[in-house]
Amino acid sequence: MIKVHINKNKIVIAGHANFNLYGKDIVCAAASSIVTTSINACLKIEANSLKYKEVYEKKELSKLTIEVTSDNKNVLLIIENMIAMLEELALTYKKNIKIIKED
């Protein structure tokens, strides 16, 4: 299961959806596309808008940490949209992705 931990200006995404075999998993592909597109858009607007760190295990991405360092309204809208899209994905694939909002 993909777990998305959201805490103020920090988002941690970890795990694998296990919807299908590696390379055929549409839930992982959707989550990856949503997150990658959002990160790239933020960095295009403002190069220092966020910091991200990827952790790999056995040549696979196992954890991604995103720290939002900007208060640019467009960057924040993109991050809000990313979270909303991940939430929508989690509603459809409850067994494969979980959103955890922390205070």
N, C-alpha and C. Protein backbone atom coordinates (compact mmCIF):
# COMPACT_ATOMS: atom_id res chain seq x y z
N MET A 1 0.85 -1.19 0.00
CA MET A 1 0.00 0.00 0.00
C MET A 1 0.89 1.25 0.00
N ILE A 2 0.50 2.22 -0.80
CA ILE A 2 1.15 3.53 -0.77
C ILE A 2 0.56 4.30 0.40
N LYS A 3 1.42 4.88 1.21
CA LYS A 3 0.96 5.72 2.31
C LYS A 3 1.50 7.13 2.08
N VAL A 4 0.59 8.09 2.13
CA VAL A 4 0.94 9.50 1.94
C VAL A 4 0.70 10.20 3.26
N HIS A 5 1.78 10.60 3.91
CA HIS A 5 1.70 11.33 5.18
C HIS A 5 1.83 12.82 4.88
N ILE A 6 0.84 13.59 5.29
CA ILE A 6 0.82 15.03 5.04
C ILE A 6 0.88 15.73 6.39
N ASN A 7 1.88 16.59 6.56
CA ASN A 7 2.08 17.31 7.81
C ASN A 7 2.54 18.72 7.49
N LYS A 8 1.63 19.66 7.54
CA LYS A 8 1.91 21.07 7.27
C LYS A 8 2.67 21.26 5.96
N ASN A 9 3.98 21.50 6.01
CA ASN A 9 4.76 21.76 4.80
C ASN A 9 5.56 20.55 4.34
N LYS A 10 5.24 19.38 4.86
CA LYS A 10 5.99 18.17 4.53
C LYS A 10 5.05 17.05 4.10
N ILE A 11 5.43 16.38 3.01
CA ILE A 11 4.66 15.26 2.49
C ILE A 11 5.62 14.10 2.29
N VAL A 12 5.28 12.96 2.87
CA VAL A 12 6.10 11.76 2.72
C VAL A 12 5.24 10.69 2.04
N ILE A 13 5.76 10.16 0.94
CA ILE A 13 5.06 9.14 0.17
C ILE A 13 5.94 7.89 0.19
N ALA A 14 5.37 6.78 0.66
CA ALA A 14 6.16 5.56 0.79
C ALA A 14 5.33 4.34 0.43
N GLY A 15 6.02 3.31 -0.02
CA GLY A 15 5.37 2.04 -0.29
C GLY A 15 5.05 1.81 -1.76
N HIS A 16 4.41 0.69 -2.00
CA HIS A 16 4.00 0.29 -3.34
C HIS A 16 2.53 -0.10 -3.29
N ALA A 17 1.78 0.26 -4.29
CA ALA A 17 0.34 0.03 -4.29
C ALA A 17 -0.04 -1.45 -4.28
N ASN A 18 0.77 -2.28 -4.91
CA ASN A 18 0.47 -3.72 -5.03
C ASN A 18 -0.87 -3.99 -5.70
N PHE A 19 -1.25 -3.13 -6.60
CA PHE A 19 -2.48 -3.36 -7.38
C PHE A 19 -2.23 -4.43 -8.44
N ASN A 20 -1.00 -4.41 -8.98
CA ASN A 20 -0.62 -5.36 -10.02
C ASN A 20 0.89 -5.56 -9.94
N LEU A 21 1.44 -6.33 -10.84
CA LEU A 21 2.88 -6.58 -10.87
C LEU A 21 3.64 -5.29 -11.15
N TYR A 22 4.90 -5.25 -10.69
CA TYR A 22 5.77 -4.11 -10.96
C TYR A 22 5.82 -3.86 -12.47
N GLY A 23 5.63 -2.61 -12.85
CA GLY A 23 5.62 -2.25 -14.26
C GLY A 23 4.24 -2.29 -14.89
N LYS A 24 3.27 -2.87 -14.18
CA LYS A 24 1.91 -2.96 -14.70
C LYS A 24 0.90 -2.37 -13.71
N ASP A 25 1.41 -1.73 -12.68
CA ASP A 25 0.56 -1.24 -11.59
C ASP A 25 0.04 0.17 -11.92
N ILE A 26 -1.25 0.25 -12.27
CA ILE A 26 -1.82 1.54 -12.68
C ILE A 26 -1.95 2.51 -11.51
N VAL A 27 -2.08 2.00 -10.29
CA VAL A 27 -2.19 2.89 -9.13
C VAL A 27 -0.84 3.56 -8.87
N CYS A 28 0.23 2.78 -8.91
CA CYS A 28 1.57 3.36 -8.75
C CYS A 28 1.87 4.34 -9.89
N ALA A 29 1.50 3.98 -11.09
CA ALA A 29 1.74 4.86 -12.24
C ALA A 29 0.99 6.18 -12.07
N ALA A 30 -0.25 6.10 -11.63
CA ALA A 30 -1.05 7.32 -11.44
C ALA A 30 -0.45 8.19 -10.34
N ALA A 31 -0.12 7.58 -9.20
CA ALA A 31 0.47 8.34 -8.09
C ALA A 31 1.79 8.97 -8.51
N SER A 32 2.63 8.21 -9.20
CA SER A 32 3.92 8.73 -9.66
C SER A 32 3.74 9.90 -10.62
N SER A 33 2.80 9.77 -11.53
CA SER A 33 2.54 10.85 -12.49
C SER A 33 2.04 12.12 -11.81
N ILE A 34 1.12 11.95 -10.87
CA ILE A 34 0.58 13.10 -10.14
C ILE A 34 1.70 13.82 -9.40
N VAL A 35 2.52 13.07 -8.68
CA VAL A 35 3.56 13.67 -7.84
C VAL A 35 4.68 14.27 -8.69
N THR A 36 5.14 13.54 -9.69
CA THR A 36 6.23 14.04 -10.54
C THR A 36 5.83 15.30 -11.29
N THR A 37 4.63 15.32 -11.85
CA THR A 37 4.15 16.50 -12.56
C THR A 37 4.03 17.69 -11.62
N SER A 38 3.56 17.46 -10.41
CA SER A 38 3.39 18.54 -9.43
C SER A 38 4.74 19.10 -9.00
N ILE A 39 5.70 18.22 -8.71
CA ILE A 39 7.04 18.68 -8.33
C ILE A 39 7.66 19.51 -9.45
N ASN A 40 7.58 19.00 -10.68
CA ASN A 40 8.17 19.72 -11.81
C ASN A 40 7.51 21.07 -12.03
N ALA A 41 6.20 21.15 -11.87
CA ALA A 41 5.49 22.42 -12.04
C ALA A 41 5.93 23.43 -10.98
N CYS A 42 6.03 22.98 -9.73
CA CYS A 42 6.48 23.88 -8.65
C CYS A 42 7.88 24.41 -8.92
N LEU A 43 8.78 23.52 -9.34
CA LEU A 43 10.16 23.93 -9.60
C LEU A 43 10.27 24.84 -10.82
N LYS A 44 9.36 24.69 -11.76
CA LYS A 44 9.33 25.56 -12.94
C LYS A 44 8.91 26.98 -12.55
N ILE A 45 7.97 27.08 -11.62
CA ILE A 45 7.50 28.38 -11.16
C ILE A 45 8.55 29.07 -10.30
N GLU A 46 9.15 28.30 -9.40
CA GLU A 46 10.13 28.86 -8.48
C GLU A 46 11.14 27.76 -8.15
N ALA A 47 12.38 27.94 -8.57
CA ALA A 47 13.40 26.89 -8.47
C ALA A 47 13.63 26.38 -7.04
N ASN A 48 13.45 27.24 -6.06
CA ASN A 48 13.67 26.84 -4.67
C ASN A 48 12.37 26.68 -3.90
N SER A 49 11.29 26.37 -4.59
CA SER A 49 9.97 26.29 -3.96
C SER A 49 9.81 25.08 -3.06
N LEU A 50 10.60 24.05 -3.32
CA LEU A 50 10.52 22.86 -2.48
C LEU A 50 11.83 22.10 -2.53
N LYS A 51 11.99 21.24 -1.53
CA LYS A 51 13.12 20.31 -1.48
C LYS A 51 12.51 18.91 -1.52
N TYR A 52 13.16 18.01 -2.20
CA TYR A 52 12.67 16.64 -2.19
C TYR A 52 13.83 15.66 -2.10
N LYS A 53 13.55 14.54 -1.48
CA LYS A 53 14.57 13.51 -1.30
C LYS A 53 13.95 12.16 -1.65
N GLU A 54 14.65 11.43 -2.49
CA GLU A 54 14.21 10.11 -2.90
C GLU A 54 15.07 9.05 -2.20
N VAL A 55 14.44 8.01 -1.69
CA VAL A 55 15.16 6.90 -1.08
C VAL A 55 14.85 5.64 -1.89
N TYR A 56 15.90 4.95 -2.30
CA TYR A 56 15.74 3.75 -3.11
C TYR A 56 16.13 2.51 -2.32
N GLU A 57 15.37 1.44 -2.50
CA GLU A 57 15.70 0.13 -1.97
C GLU A 57 15.58 -0.87 -3.10
N LYS A 58 16.61 -1.66 -3.31
CA LYS A 58 16.62 -2.66 -4.38
C LYS A 58 16.29 -2.03 -5.73
N LYS A 59 16.89 -0.88 -5.99
CA LYS A 59 16.74 -0.15 -7.26
C LYS A 59 15.34 0.40 -7.51
N GLU A 60 14.45 0.33 -6.50
CA GLU A 60 13.10 0.89 -6.63
C GLU A 60 12.94 2.05 -5.66
N LEU A 61 12.23 3.07 -6.09
CA LEU A 61 11.91 4.18 -5.20
C LEU A 61 11.01 3.66 -4.10
N SER A 62 11.44 3.81 -2.85
CA SER A 62 10.63 3.30 -1.74
C SER A 62 10.03 4.43 -0.91
N LYS A 63 10.63 5.63 -0.99
CA LYS A 63 10.12 6.74 -0.19
C LYS A 63 10.52 8.06 -0.84
N LEU A 64 9.57 8.98 -0.84
CA LEU A 64 9.81 10.32 -1.37
C LEU A 64 9.34 11.32 -0.32
N THR A 65 10.23 12.22 0.05
CA THR A 65 9.89 13.26 1.01
C THR A 65 9.91 14.60 0.29
N ILE A 66 8.84 15.36 0.43
CA ILE A 66 8.73 16.69 -0.19
C ILE A 66 8.55 17.70 0.93
N GLU A 67 9.38 18.72 0.92
CA GLU A 67 9.24 19.82 1.88
C GLU A 67 8.97 21.10 1.10
N VAL A 68 7.82 21.70 1.31
CA VAL A 68 7.46 22.94 0.62
C VAL A 68 8.11 24.10 1.37
N THR A 69 8.95 24.85 0.65
CA THR A 69 9.72 25.93 1.27
C THR A 69 9.28 27.31 0.77
N SER A 70 8.21 27.37 0.02
CA SER A 70 7.75 28.62 -0.59
C SER A 70 6.34 28.96 -0.10
N ASP A 71 6.05 30.24 -0.13
CA ASP A 71 4.68 30.66 0.15
C ASP A 71 4.04 31.26 -1.12
N ASN A 72 4.65 30.99 -2.26
CA ASN A 72 4.12 31.43 -3.54
C ASN A 72 2.74 30.79 -3.75
N LYS A 73 1.73 31.61 -4.02
CA LYS A 73 0.36 31.10 -4.09
C LYS A 73 0.18 30.05 -5.19
N ASN A 74 0.88 30.19 -6.30
CA ASN A 74 0.76 29.20 -7.37
C ASN A 74 1.38 27.86 -6.98
N VAL A 75 2.50 27.92 -6.30
CA VAL A 75 3.14 26.70 -5.81
C VAL A 75 2.21 26.00 -4.82
N LEU A 76 1.66 26.77 -3.90
CA LEU A 76 0.76 26.19 -2.90
C LEU A 76 -0.50 25.59 -3.54
N LEU A 77 -1.00 26.23 -4.59
CA LEU A 77 -2.15 25.67 -5.32
C LEU A 77 -1.82 24.35 -6.00
N ILE A 78 -0.63 24.27 -6.54
CA ILE A 78 -0.20 23.02 -7.18
C ILE A 78 -0.10 21.90 -6.14
N ILE A 79 0.46 22.21 -4.97
CA ILE A 79 0.57 21.21 -3.91
C ILE A 79 -0.82 20.81 -3.42
N GLU A 80 -1.71 21.77 -3.24
CA GLU A 80 -3.10 21.45 -2.85
C GLU A 80 -3.76 20.56 -3.89
N ASN A 81 -3.54 20.86 -5.15
CA ASN A 81 -4.11 20.06 -6.24
C ASN A 81 -3.52 18.65 -6.24
N MET A 82 -2.22 18.54 -6.00
CA MET A 82 -1.58 17.23 -5.93
C MET A 82 -2.22 16.38 -4.83
N ILE A 83 -2.41 16.99 -3.67
CA ILE A 83 -3.02 16.28 -2.54
C ILE A 83 -4.46 15.87 -2.88
N ALA A 84 -5.20 16.78 -3.49
CA ALA A 84 -6.59 16.47 -3.87
C ALA A 84 -6.65 15.31 -4.88
N MET A 85 -5.73 15.29 -5.82
CA MET A 85 -5.71 14.20 -6.81
C MET A 85 -5.32 12.87 -6.16
N LEU A 86 -4.38 12.90 -5.23
CA LEU A 86 -4.01 11.68 -4.50
C LEU A 86 -5.17 11.19 -3.64
N GLU A 87 -5.90 12.14 -3.03
CA GLU A 87 -7.09 11.77 -2.25
C GLU A 87 -8.15 11.12 -3.13
N GLU A 88 -8.34 11.65 -4.31
CA GLU A 88 -9.31 11.07 -5.25
C GLU A 88 -8.88 9.66 -5.65
N LEU A 89 -7.60 9.47 -5.89
CA LEU A 89 -7.07 8.15 -6.22
C LEU A 89 -7.30 7.18 -5.06
N ALA A 90 -7.10 7.67 -3.83
CA ALA A 90 -7.29 6.84 -2.64
C ALA A 90 -8.76 6.45 -2.45
N LEU A 91 -9.68 7.30 -2.85
CA LEU A 91 -11.11 6.96 -2.77
C LEU A 91 -11.46 5.81 -3.71
N THR A 92 -10.83 5.80 -4.86
CA THR A 92 -11.11 4.78 -5.86
C THR A 92 -10.39 3.46 -5.55
N TYR A 93 -9.18 3.56 -5.01
CA TYR A 93 -8.35 2.39 -4.74
C TYR A 93 -7.99 2.32 -3.25
N LYS A 94 -9.00 2.11 -2.43
CA LYS A 94 -8.86 2.13 -0.96
C LYS A 94 -7.86 1.11 -0.42
N LYS A 95 -7.69 -0.01 -1.10
CA LYS A 95 -6.77 -1.05 -0.65
C LYS A 95 -5.33 -0.79 -1.07
N ASN A 96 -5.12 0.26 -1.89
CA ASN A 96 -3.80 0.46 -2.49
C ASN A 96 -3.12 1.77 -2.15
N ILE A 97 -3.87 2.75 -1.69
CA ILE A 97 -3.28 4.04 -1.33
C ILE A 97 -4.07 4.64 -0.17
N LYS A 98 -3.35 5.16 0.80
CA LYS A 98 -3.97 5.74 1.99
C LYS A 98 -3.36 7.11 2.24
N ILE A 99 -4.21 8.08 2.53
CA ILE A 99 -3.78 9.45 2.87
C ILE A 99 -3.88 9.61 4.38
N ILE A 100 -2.82 10.07 4.99
CA ILE A 100 -2.79 10.28 6.43
C ILE A 100 -2.42 11.73 6.69
N LYS A 101 -3.37 12.50 7.20
CA LYS A 101 -3.11 13.91 7.50
C LYS A 101 -2.78 14.04 8.98
N GLU A 102 -1.63 14.64 9.24
CA GLU A 102 -1.16 14.83 10.61
C GLU A 102 -1.12 16.33 10.91
N ASP A 103 -1.33 16.67 12.16
CA ASP A 103 -1.29 18.08 12.55
C ASP A 103 0.07 18.49 13.03
